[in-house]
């Protein structure tokens, strides 16, 4: 892990701070480490939900068939691919 040099500031109410502090102490962590651990775990879950696609068995089989299809793209698909490529340039 790289050196900790970045700072994040946040404000909360006394009730929430007390809850977080008590929870951190049960885990044997400082409040900062507890918050960082919890935030990292949540961030990974959010990204996992955005970067991972779950398919049913039927949809997976259809997807695999489409990937294996070596037919030439139709005009509509070709236009979509060109439009996408233009946005990536």
Protein backbone atom coordinates (compact mmCIF):
# COMPACT_ATOMS: atom_id res chain seq x y z
CA UNK A 1 0.00 0.00 0.00
CA UNK A 2 1.32 3.46 -0.81
CA UNK A 3 2.02 6.09 1.81
CA UNK A 4 -1.03 7.86 3.18
CA UNK A 5 -0.76 11.44 2.01
CA UNK A 6 -4.28 12.40 0.93
CA UNK A 7 -6.83 13.87 3.30
CA UNK A 8 -10.62 13.58 3.33
CA UNK A 9 -12.62 15.87 5.61
CA UNK A 10 -16.21 15.31 6.59
CA UNK A 11 -18.69 16.60 9.11
CA UNK A 12 -21.37 14.70 10.97
CA UNK A 13 -23.62 15.06 13.99
CA UNK A 14 -22.68 13.90 17.49
CA UNK A 15 -24.95 10.86 17.38
CA UNK A 16 -23.40 9.52 14.18
CA UNK A 17 -19.87 10.21 15.39
CA UNK A 18 -20.60 8.33 18.62
CA UNK A 19 -22.00 5.37 16.68
CA UNK A 20 -18.97 5.24 14.41
CA UNK A 21 -16.48 5.66 17.26
CA UNK A 22 -18.09 2.87 19.28
CA UNK A 23 -18.15 0.58 16.25
CA UNK A 24 -14.49 1.33 15.50
CA UNK A 25 -13.50 0.51 19.06
CA UNK A 26 -15.23 -2.88 18.85
CA UNK A 27 -13.13 -3.63 15.78
CA UNK A 28 -9.96 -2.39 17.50
CA UNK A 29 -9.52 0.37 14.93
CA UNK A 30 -9.12 4.10 15.06
CA UNK A 31 -12.11 6.04 13.79
CA UNK A 32 -10.14 7.04 10.68
CA UNK A 33 -9.13 3.47 9.87
CA UNK A 34 -12.65 2.22 10.51
CA UNK A 35 -14.14 4.83 8.16
CA UNK A 36 -11.52 4.16 5.51
CA UNK A 37 -12.08 0.40 5.68
CA UNK A 38 -15.86 0.81 5.46
CA UNK A 39 -15.62 3.33 2.60
CA UNK A 40 -13.25 1.11 0.62
CA UNK A 41 -15.54 -1.89 1.04
CA UNK A 42 -18.56 0.13 -0.11
CA UNK A 43 -16.66 1.62 -3.06
CA UNK A 44 -15.63 -1.85 -4.21
CA UNK A 45 -19.25 -3.02 -4.02
CA UNK A 46 -20.45 -0.02 -6.03
CA UNK A 47 -17.83 -0.56 -8.73
CA UNK A 48 -18.48 -4.29 -8.81
CA UNK A 49 -22.12 -3.53 -9.53
CA UNK A 50 -21.13 -1.21 -12.36
CA UNK A 51 -18.38 -3.32 -13.87
CA UNK A 52 -19.85 -6.80 -13.62
CA UNK A 53 -22.78 -8.16 -15.60
CA UNK A 54 -24.68 -11.18 -14.33
CA UNK A 55 -26.54 -13.24 -16.91
CA UNK A 56 -28.98 -16.08 -16.61
CA UNK A 57 -27.92 -19.38 -18.15
CA UNK A 58 -30.22 -18.72 -21.13
CA UNK A 59 -28.83 -15.21 -21.66
CA UNK A 60 -25.24 -16.45 -21.31
CA UNK A 61 -25.82 -19.10 -23.97
CA UNK A 62 -27.35 -16.51 -26.31
CA UNK A 63 -24.45 -14.12 -25.64
CA UNK A 64 -21.91 -16.87 -26.40
CA UNK A 65 -23.69 -17.69 -29.68
CA UNK A 66 -23.60 -14.03 -30.69
CA UNK A 67 -19.88 -13.82 -29.91
CA UNK A 68 -19.23 -16.89 -32.05
CA UNK A 69 -21.32 -15.53 -34.95
CA UNK A 70 -18.92 -14.55 -37.72
CA UNK A 71 -21.47 -12.87 -39.99
CA UNK A 72 -20.80 -9.37 -41.26
CA UNK A 73 -22.36 -6.55 -39.18
CA UNK A 74 -25.48 -5.04 -40.73
CA UNK A 75 -25.62 -1.34 -41.64
CA UNK A 76 -27.26 -0.31 -38.36
CA UNK A 77 -24.62 -2.08 -36.26
CA UNK A 78 -21.81 -0.70 -38.43
CA UNK A 79 -23.17 2.82 -37.96
CA UNK A 80 -23.33 2.29 -34.17
CA UNK A 81 -19.74 1.00 -34.12
CA UNK A 82 -18.53 3.99 -36.11
CA UNK A 83 -20.36 6.39 -33.82
CA UNK A 84 -18.81 4.71 -30.76
CA UNK A 85 -15.33 4.84 -32.28
CA UNK A 86 -15.78 8.55 -32.99
CA UNK A 87 -16.53 9.21 -29.32
CA UNK A 88 -13.36 7.35 -28.28
CA UNK A 89 -11.02 9.38 -30.50
